[in-house]
Amino acid sequence: MMSTPLIAGITDGAWALLWLYVWLLSAIVASYLSERKGYSDRAGLATGLILTFIGPIIWLIVPAKPDSKWKTLGPTGRVQRSIES
């Protein structure tokens, strides 16, 4: 008896692997966001692992600390350079 319906030939094991990747990606994104905003990366890792889909969304809402990388370098970490002519 199958517990998950087959969609486009994907088996139960493939669904489990897909959800594992989603879970790990959520933890990575939440950890990155919390570290950029000046908090501990462990706090982001914990929220990403426990609250899979809403963990990264929570860290997008949490305000950044004044001296954080989010405030000084921006969300992606690239320094904005002025073009001198």
PDB file of N, CA and C in Angstrom:
ATOM      1  N   MET A   1       0.830  -1.173   0.000  1.00  0.00           N
ATOM      2  CA  MET A   1       0.000   0.000   0.000  1.00  0.00           C
ATOM      3  C   MET A   1       0.878   1.241   0.000  1.00  0.00           C
ATOM      4  N   MET A   2       0.603   2.183  -0.877  1.00  0.00           N
ATOM      5  CA  MET A   2       1.429   3.382  -1.020  1.00  0.00           C
ATOM      6  C   MET A   2       0.888   4.486  -0.121  1.00  0.00           C
ATOM      7  N   SER A   3       1.786   5.139   0.583  1.00  0.00           N
ATOM      8  CA  SER A   3       1.367   6.215   1.468  1.00  0.00           C
ATOM      9  C   SER A   3       1.302   7.554   0.749  1.00  0.00           C
ATOM     10  N   THR A   4       2.060   7.709  -0.318  1.00  0.00           N
ATOM     11  CA  THR A   4       2.093   8.945  -1.077  1.00  0.00           C
ATOM     12  C   THR A   4       1.673   8.649  -2.510  1.00  0.00           C
ATOM     13  N   PRO A   5       0.787   9.461  -3.065  1.00  0.00           N
ATOM     14  CA  PRO A   5       0.410   9.211  -4.461  1.00  0.00           C
ATOM     15  C   PRO A   5       1.587   9.499  -5.396  1.00  0.00           C
ATOM     16  N   LEU A   6       1.684   8.723  -6.440  1.00  0.00           N
ATOM     17  CA  LEU A   6       2.758   8.916  -7.411  1.00  0.00           C
ATOM     18  C   LEU A   6       2.372  10.029  -8.366  1.00  0.00           C
ATOM     19  N   ILE A   7       3.220  11.017  -8.449  1.00  0.00           N
ATOM     20  CA  ILE A   7       3.007  12.129  -9.367  1.00  0.00           C
ATOM     21  C   ILE A   7       4.181  12.135 -10.323  1.00  0.00           C
ATOM     22  N   ALA A   8       3.910  11.958 -11.587  1.00  0.00           N
ATOM     23  CA  ALA A   8       4.923  11.950 -12.643  1.00  0.00           C
ATOM     24  C   ALA A   8       5.998  10.902 -12.382  1.00  0.00           C
ATOM     25  N   GLY A   9       5.621   9.766 -11.794  1.00  0.00           N
ATOM     26  CA  GLY A   9       6.562   8.676 -11.603  1.00  0.00           C
ATOM     27  C   GLY A   9       7.520   8.840 -10.446  1.00  0.00           C
ATOM     28  N   ILE A  10       7.294   9.787  -9.546  1.00  0.00           N
ATOM     29  CA  ILE A  10       8.196   9.988  -8.405  1.00  0.00           C
ATOM     30  C   ILE A  10       7.799   9.020  -7.301  1.00  0.00           C
ATOM     31  N   THR A  11       8.736   8.252  -6.814  1.00  0.00           N
ATOM     32  CA  THR A  11       8.466   7.272  -5.770  1.00  0.00           C
ATOM     33  C   THR A  11       8.529   7.910  -4.390  1.00  0.00           C
ATOM     34  N   ASP A  12       8.187   7.131  -3.380  1.00  0.00           N
ATOM     35  CA  ASP A  12       8.219   7.639  -2.010  1.00  0.00           C
ATOM     36  C   ASP A  12       9.621   8.051  -1.579  1.00  0.00           C
ATOM     37  N   GLY A  13      10.607   7.294  -1.977  1.00  0.00           N
ATOM     38  CA  GLY A  13      11.981   7.627  -1.620  1.00  0.00           C
ATOM     39  C   GLY A  13      12.442   8.932  -2.228  1.00  0.00           C
ATOM     40  N   ALA A  14      12.004   9.197  -3.453  1.00  0.00           N
ATOM     41  CA  ALA A  14      12.366  10.456  -4.102  1.00  0.00           C
ATOM     42  C   ALA A  14      11.694  11.640  -3.411  1.00  0.00           C
ATOM     43  N   TRP A  15      10.447  11.438  -2.968  1.00  0.00           N
ATOM     44  CA  TRP A  15       9.769  12.509  -2.224  1.00  0.00           C
ATOM     45  C   TRP A  15      10.486  12.775  -0.907  1.00  0.00           C
ATOM     46  N   ALA A  16      10.912  11.729  -0.228  1.00  0.00           N
ATOM     47  CA  ALA A  16      11.625  11.900   1.031  1.00  0.00           C
ATOM     48  C   ALA A  16      12.936  12.653   0.821  1.00  0.00           C
ATOM     49  N   LEU A  17      13.643  12.338  -0.243  1.00  0.00           N
ATOM     50  CA  LEU A  17      14.886  13.037  -0.555  1.00  0.00           C
ATOM     51  C   LEU A  17      14.628  14.497  -0.909  1.00  0.00           C
ATOM     52  N   LEU A  18      13.569  14.748  -1.645  1.00  0.00           N
ATOM     53  CA  LEU A  18      13.204  16.126  -1.998  1.00  0.00           C
ATOM     54  C   LEU A  18      12.887  16.944  -0.758  1.00  0.00           C
ATOM     55  N   TRP A  19      12.102  16.384   0.168  1.00  0.00           N
ATOM     56  CA  TRP A  19      11.772  17.104   1.392  1.00  0.00           C
ATOM     57  C   TRP A  19      12.986  17.283   2.291  1.00  0.00           C
ATOM     58  N   LEU A  20      13.919  16.342   2.271  1.00  0.00           N
ATOM     59  CA  LEU A  20      15.159  16.494   3.017  1.00  0.00           C
ATOM     60  C   LEU A  20      15.952  17.687   2.497  1.00  0.00           C
ATOM     61  N   TYR A  21      16.033  17.824   1.179  1.00  0.00           N
ATOM     62  CA  TYR A  21      16.731  18.969   0.590  1.00  0.00           C
ATOM     63  C   TYR A  21      16.039  20.280   0.919  1.00  0.00           C
ATOM     64  N   VAL A  22      14.725  20.300   0.904  1.00  0.00           N
ATOM     65  CA  VAL A  22      13.978  21.510   1.275  1.00  0.00           C
ATOM     66  C   VAL A  22      14.248  21.877   2.728  1.00  0.00           C
ATOM     67  N   TRP A  23      14.252  20.891   3.594  1.00  0.00           N
ATOM     68  CA  TRP A  23      14.500  21.116   5.020  1.00  0.00           C
ATOM     69  C   TRP A  23      15.899  21.678   5.245  1.00  0.00           C
ATOM     70  N   LEU A  24      16.896  21.091   4.587  1.00  0.00           N
ATOM     71  CA  LEU A  24      18.274  21.563   4.747  1.00  0.00           C
ATOM     72  C   LEU A  24      18.476  22.947   4.129  1.00  0.00           C
ATOM     73  N   LEU A  25      17.866  23.210   2.993  1.00  0.00           N
ATOM     74  CA  LEU A  25      17.970  24.525   2.367  1.00  0.00           C
ATOM     75  C   LEU A  25      17.340  25.601   3.244  1.00  0.00           C
ATOM     76  N   SER A  26      16.240  25.287   3.882  1.00  0.00           N
ATOM     77  CA  SER A  26      15.606  26.220   4.802  1.00  0.00           C
ATOM     78  C   SER A  26      16.532  26.551   5.968  1.00  0.00           C
ATOM     79  N   ALA A  27      17.206  25.542   6.507  1.00  0.00           N
ATOM     80  CA  ALA A  27      18.136  25.770   7.608  1.00  0.00           C
ATOM     81  C   ALA A  27      19.324  26.621   7.157  1.00  0.00           C
ATOM     82  N   ILE A  28      19.823  26.380   5.959  1.00  0.00           N
ATOM     83  CA  ILE A  28      20.955  27.150   5.442  1.00  0.00           C
ATOM     84  C   ILE A  28      20.574  28.614   5.248  1.00  0.00           C
ATOM     85  N   VAL A  29      19.419  28.856   4.655  1.00  0.00           N
ATOM     86  CA  VAL A  29      18.972  30.233   4.395  1.00  0.00           C
ATOM     87  C   VAL A  29      18.717  30.970   5.705  1.00  0.00           C
ATOM     88  N   ALA A  30      18.055  30.345   6.666  1.00  0.00           N
ATOM     89  CA  ALA A  30      17.787  30.988   7.953  1.00  0.00           C
ATOM     90  C   ALA A  30      19.085  31.282   8.699  1.00  0.00           C
ATOM     91  N   SER A  31      20.052  30.379   8.643  1.00  0.00           N
ATOM     92  CA  SER A  31      21.339  30.597   9.294  1.00  0.00           C
ATOM     93  C   SER A  31      22.084  31.765   8.651  1.00  0.00           C
ATOM     94  N   TYR A  32      22.066  31.832   7.329  1.00  0.00           N
ATOM     95  CA  TYR A  32      22.722  32.931   6.612  1.00  0.00           C
ATOM     96  C   TYR A  32      22.086  34.272   6.970  1.00  0.00           C
ATOM     97  N   LEU A  33      20.755  34.313   6.966  1.00  0.00           N
ATOM     98  CA  LEU A  33      20.065  35.566   7.257  1.00  0.00           C
ATOM     99  C   LEU A  33      20.316  36.036   8.684  1.00  0.00           C
ATOM    100  N   SER A  34      20.282  35.127   9.644  1.00  0.00           N
ATOM    101  CA  SER A  34      20.506  35.532  11.030  1.00  0.00           C
ATOM    102  C   SER A  34      21.935  36.015  11.243  1.00  0.00           C
ATOM    103  N   GLU A  35      22.900  35.382  10.593  1.00  0.00           N
ATOM    104  CA  GLU A  35      24.291  35.820  10.718  1.00  0.00           C
ATOM    105  C   GLU A  35      24.490  37.185  10.077  1.00  0.00           C
ATOM    106  N   ARG A  36      23.865  37.440   8.936  1.00  0.00           N
ATOM    107  CA  ARG A  36      23.989  38.741   8.255  1.00  0.00           C
ATOM    108  C   ARG A  36      23.346  39.848   9.062  1.00  0.00           C
ATOM    109  N   LYS A  37      22.301  39.523   9.816  1.00  0.00           N
ATOM    110  CA  LYS A  37      21.596  40.538  10.594  1.00  0.00           C
ATOM    111  C   LYS A  37      22.225  40.781  11.959  1.00  0.00           C
ATOM    112  N   GLY A  38      23.337  40.123  12.261  1.00  0.00           N
ATOM    113  CA  GLY A  38      24.075  40.392  13.483  1.00  0.00           C
ATOM    114  C   GLY A  38      23.745  39.486  14.636  1.00  0.00           C
ATOM    115  N   TYR A  39      22.980  38.450  14.419  1.00  0.00           N
ATOM    116  CA  TYR A  39      22.648  37.495  15.464  1.00  0.00           C
ATOM    117  C   TYR A  39      23.490  36.238  15.271  1.00  0.00           C
ATOM    118  N   SER A  40      23.357  35.309  16.186  1.00  0.00           N
ATOM    119  CA  SER A  40      24.107  34.066  16.103  1.00  0.00           C
ATOM    120  C   SER A  40      23.598  33.221  14.937  1.00  0.00           C
ATOM    121  N   ASP A  41      24.514  32.598  14.213  1.00  0.00           N
ATOM    122  CA  ASP A  41      24.085  31.725  13.129  1.00  0.00           C
ATOM    123  C   ASP A  41      23.403  30.478  13.663  1.00  0.00           C
ATOM    124  N   ARG A  42      23.695  30.121  14.912  1.00  0.00           N
ATOM    125  CA  ARG A  42      23.026  28.972  15.527  1.00  0.00           C
ATOM    126  C   ARG A  42      21.544  29.240  15.751  1.00  0.00           C
ATOM    127  N   ALA A  43      21.209  30.488  16.065  1.00  0.00           N
ATOM    128  CA  ALA A  43      19.793  30.836  16.232  1.00  0.00           C
ATOM    129  C   ALA A  43      19.049  30.666  14.910  1.00  0.00           C
ATOM    130  N   GLY A  44      19.660  31.083  13.829  1.00  0.00           N
ATOM    131  CA  GLY A  44      19.050  30.896  12.522  1.00  0.00           C
ATOM    132  C   GLY A  44      18.974  29.441  12.127  1.00  0.00           C
ATOM    133  N   LEU A  45      20.014  28.689  12.451  1.00  0.00           N
ATOM    134  CA  LEU A  45      20.013  27.262  12.149  1.00  0.00           C
ATOM    135  C   LEU A  45      18.896  26.551  12.902  1.00  0.00           C
ATOM    136  N   ALA A  46      18.713  26.901  14.163  1.00  0.00           N
ATOM    137  CA  ALA A  46      17.657  26.270  14.960  1.00  0.00           C
ATOM    138  C   ALA A  46      16.276  26.616  14.411  1.00  0.00           C
ATOM    139  N   THR A  47      16.041  27.875  14.079  1.00  0.00           N
ATOM    140  CA  THR A  47      14.722  28.231  13.545  1.00  0.00           C
ATOM    141  C   THR A  47      14.505  27.615  12.170  1.00  0.00           C
ATOM    142  N   GLY A  48      15.543  27.496  11.380  1.00  0.00           N
ATOM    143  CA  GLY A  48      15.396  26.876  10.070  1.00  0.00           C
ATOM    144  C   GLY A  48      15.115  25.393  10.140  1.00  0.00           C
ATOM    145  N   LEU A  49      15.704  24.715  11.129  1.00  0.00           N
ATOM    146  CA  LEU A  49      15.474  23.285  11.269  1.00  0.00           C
ATOM    147  C   LEU A  49      14.123  22.974  11.901  1.00  0.00           C
ATOM    148  N   ILE A  50      13.721  23.776  12.876  1.00  0.00           N
ATOM    149  CA  ILE A  50      12.472  23.510  13.585  1.00  0.00           C
ATOM    150  C   ILE A  50      11.266  24.029  12.803  1.00  0.00           C
ATOM    151  N   LEU A  51      11.371  25.229  12.278  1.00  0.00           N
ATOM    152  CA  LEU A  51      10.261  25.848  11.544  1.00  0.00           C
ATOM    153  C   LEU A  51      10.621  25.889  10.065  1.00  0.00           C
ATOM    154  N   THR A  52      10.498  24.779   9.397  1.00  0.00           N
ATOM    155  CA  THR A  52      11.060  24.589   8.068  1.00  0.00           C
ATOM    156  C   THR A  52      10.703  25.701   7.082  1.00  0.00           C
ATOM    157  N   PHE A  53       9.448  25.945   6.853  1.00  0.00           N
ATOM    158  CA  PHE A  53       9.078  26.911   5.820  1.00  0.00           C
ATOM    159  C   PHE A  53       9.060  28.344   6.325  1.00  0.00           C
ATOM    160  N   ILE A  54       8.736  28.547   7.591  1.00  0.00           N
ATOM    161  CA  ILE A  54       8.630  29.917   8.071  1.00  0.00           C
ATOM    162  C   ILE A  54       9.899  30.410   8.771  1.00  0.00           C
ATOM    163  N   GLY A  55      10.886  29.549   8.963  1.00  0.00           N
ATOM    164  CA  GLY A  55      12.140  29.970   9.589  1.00  0.00           C
ATOM    165  C   GLY A  55      12.844  31.088   8.828  1.00  0.00           C
ATOM    166  N   PRO A  56      13.087  30.928   7.514  1.00  0.00           N
ATOM    167  CA  PRO A  56      13.701  32.034   6.762  1.00  0.00           C
ATOM    168  C   PRO A  56      12.824  33.283   6.694  1.00  0.00           C
ATOM    169  N   ILE A  57      11.515  33.094   6.669  1.00  0.00           N
ATOM    170  CA  ILE A  57      10.607  34.252   6.626  1.00  0.00           C
ATOM    171  C   ILE A  57      10.701  35.034   7.930  1.00  0.00           C
ATOM    172  N   ILE A  58      10.841  34.331   9.049  1.00  0.00           N
ATOM    173  CA  ILE A  58      11.003  35.006  10.341  1.00  0.00           C
ATOM    174  C   ILE A  58      12.256  35.867  10.336  1.00  0.00           C
ATOM    175  N   TRP A  59      13.363  35.333   9.777  1.00  0.00           N
ATOM    176  CA  TRP A  59      14.610  36.106   9.770  1.00  0.00           C
ATOM    177  C   TRP A  59      14.575  37.252   8.769  1.00  0.00           C
ATOM    178  N   LEU A  60      13.686  37.216   7.804  1.00  0.00           N
ATOM    179  CA  LEU A  60      13.508  38.379   6.934  1.00  0.00           C
ATOM    180  C   LEU A  60      12.767  39.498   7.664  1.00  0.00           C
ATOM    181  N   ILE A  61      11.943  39.130   8.640  1.00  0.00           N
ATOM    182  CA  ILE A  61      11.164  40.117   9.384  1.00  0.00           C
ATOM    183  C   ILE A  61      11.952  40.697  10.555  1.00  0.00           C
ATOM    184  N   VAL A  62      12.813  39.911  11.182  1.00  0.00           N
ATOM    185  CA  VAL A  62      13.586  40.360  12.350  1.00  0.00           C
ATOM    186  C   VAL A  62      14.477  41.532  11.934  1.00  0.00           C
ATOM    187  N   PRO A  63      14.449  42.644  12.693  1.00  0.00           N
ATOM    188  CA  PRO A  63      15.292  43.785  12.335  1.00  0.00           C
ATOM    189  C   PRO A  63      16.777  43.499  12.541  1.00  0.00           C
ATOM    190  N   ALA A  64      17.589  44.082  11.692  1.00  0.00           N
ATOM    191  CA  ALA A  64      19.041  43.900  11.772  1.00  0.00           C
ATOM    192  C   ALA A  64      19.625  44.800  12.851  1.00  0.00           C
ATOM    193  N   LYS A  65      20.693  44.333  13.484  1.00  0.00           N
ATOM    194  CA  LYS A  65      21.396  45.153  14.463  1.00  0.00           C
ATOM    195  C   LYS A  65      22.136  46.273  13.730  1.00  0.00           C
ATOM    196  N   PRO A  66      22.366  47.404  14.406  1.00  0.00           N
ATOM    197  CA  PRO A  66      22.979  48.552  13.718  1.00  0.00           C
ATOM    198  C   PRO A  66      24.364  48.279  13.121  1.00  0.00           C
ATOM    199  N   ASP A  67      25.179  47.472  13.758  1.00  0.00           N
ATOM    200  CA  ASP A  67      26.539  47.234  13.259  1.00  0.00           C
ATOM    201  C   ASP A  67      26.657  45.903  12.506  1.00  0.00           C
ATOM    202  N   SER A  68      25.548  45.387  12.009  1.00  0.00           N
ATOM    203  CA  SER A  68      25.555  44.084  11.334  1.00  0.00           C
ATOM    204  C   SER A  68      26.012  44.212   9.885  1.00  0.00           C
ATOM    205  N   LYS A  69      26.349  43.088   9.297  1.00  0.00           N
ATOM    206  CA  LYS A  69      26.730  43.056   7.885  1.00  0.00           C
ATOM    207  C   LYS A  69      25.549  43.452   6.997  1.00  0.00           C
ATOM    208  N   TRP A  70      24.340  43.148   7.448  1.00  0.00           N
ATOM    209  CA  TRP A  70      23.130  43.495   6.689  1.00  0.00           C
ATOM    210  C   TRP A  70      23.048  45.009   6.511  1.00  0.00           C
ATOM    211  N   LYS A  71      23.396  45.773   7.567  1.00  0.00           N
ATOM    212  CA  LYS A  71      23.339  47.232   7.503  1.00  0.00           C
ATOM    213  C   LYS A  71      24.554  47.830   6.799  1.00  0.00           C
ATOM    214  N   THR A  72      25.730  47.237   6.992  1.00  0.00           N
ATOM    215  CA  THR A  72      26.939  47.841   6.433  1.00  0.00           C
ATOM    216  C   THR A  72      27.218  47.408   4.995  1.00  0.00           C
ATOM    217  N   LEU A  73      27.017  46.129   4.681  1.00  0.00           N
ATOM    218  CA  LEU A  73      27.336  45.630   3.341  1.00  0.00           C
ATOM    219  C   LEU A  73      26.112  45.317   2.496  1.00  0.00           C
ATOM    220  N   GLY A  74      24.969  45.210   3.125  1.00  0.00           N
ATOM    221  CA  GLY A  74      23.760  44.871   2.391  1.00  0.00           C
ATOM    222  C   GLY A  74      23.427  43.393   2.527  1.00  0.00           C
ATOM    223  N   PRO A  75      22.282  42.978   1.997  1.00  0.00           N
ATOM    224  CA  PRO A  75      21.831  41.594   2.167  1.00  0.00           C
ATOM    225  C   PRO A  75      22.727  40.548   1.504  1.00  0.00           C
ATOM    226  N   THR A  76      23.335  40.865   0.375  1.00  0.00           N
ATOM    227  CA  THR A  76      24.118  39.862  -0.335  1.00  0.00           C
ATOM    228  C   THR A  76      25.594  39.910  -0.002  1.00  0.00           C
ATOM    229  N   GLY A  77      26.076  40.974   0.619  1.00  0.00           N
ATOM    230  CA  GLY A  77      27.470  41.039   1.013  1.00  0.00           C
ATOM    231  C   GLY A  77      28.366  41.763   0.034  1.00  0.00           C
ATOM    232  N   ARG A  78      27.789  42.304  -0.982  1.00  0.00           N
ATOM    233  CA  ARG A  78      28.592  43.032  -1.961  1.00  0.00           C
ATOM    234  C   ARG A  78      28.635  44.507  -1.587  1.00  0.00           C
ATOM    235  N   VAL A  79      29.809  45.058  -1.632  1.00  0.00           N
ATOM    236  CA  VAL A  79      29.987  46.470  -1.325  1.00  0.00           C
ATOM    237  C   VAL A  79      29.530  47.273  -2.531  1.00  0.00           C
ATOM    238  N   GLN A  80      28.716  48.286  -2.256  1.00  0.00           N
ATOM    239  CA  GLN A  80      28.273  49.128  -3.355  1.00  0.00           C
ATOM    240  C   GLN A  80      29.397  50.108  -3.682  1.00  0.00           C
ATOM    241  N   ARG A  81      29.834  50.047  -4.901  1.00  0.00           N
ATOM    242  CA  ARG A  81      30.942  50.886  -5.318  1.00  0.00           C
ATOM    243  C   ARG A  81      30.411  52.026  -6.171  1.00  0.00           C
ATOM    244  N   SER A  82      30.936  53.211  -5.907  1.00  0.00           N
ATOM    245  CA  SER A  82      30.523  54.355  -6.713  1.00  0.00           C
ATOM    246  C   SER A  82      31.378  54.419  -7.972  1.00  0.00           C
ATOM    247  N   ILE A  83      30.766  54.780  -9.052  1.00  0.00           N
ATOM    248  CA  ILE A  83      31.477  54.868 -10.333  1.00  0.00           C
ATOM    249  C   ILE A  83      32.081  56.269 -10.440  1.00  0.00           C
ATOM    250  N   GLU A  84      33.386  56.297 -10.527  1.00  0.00           N
ATOM    251  CA  GLU A  84      34.086  57.580 -10.645  1.00  0.00           C
ATOM    252  C   GLU A  84      34.426  57.817 -12.111  1.00  0.00           C
ATOM    253  N   SER A  85      34.045  58.989 -12.591  1.00  0.00           N
ATOM    254  CA  SER A  85      34.348  59.279 -13.987  1.00  0.00           C
ATOM    255  C   SER A  85      35.383  60.350 -14.140  1.00  0.00           C
TER     256      SER A  85
END
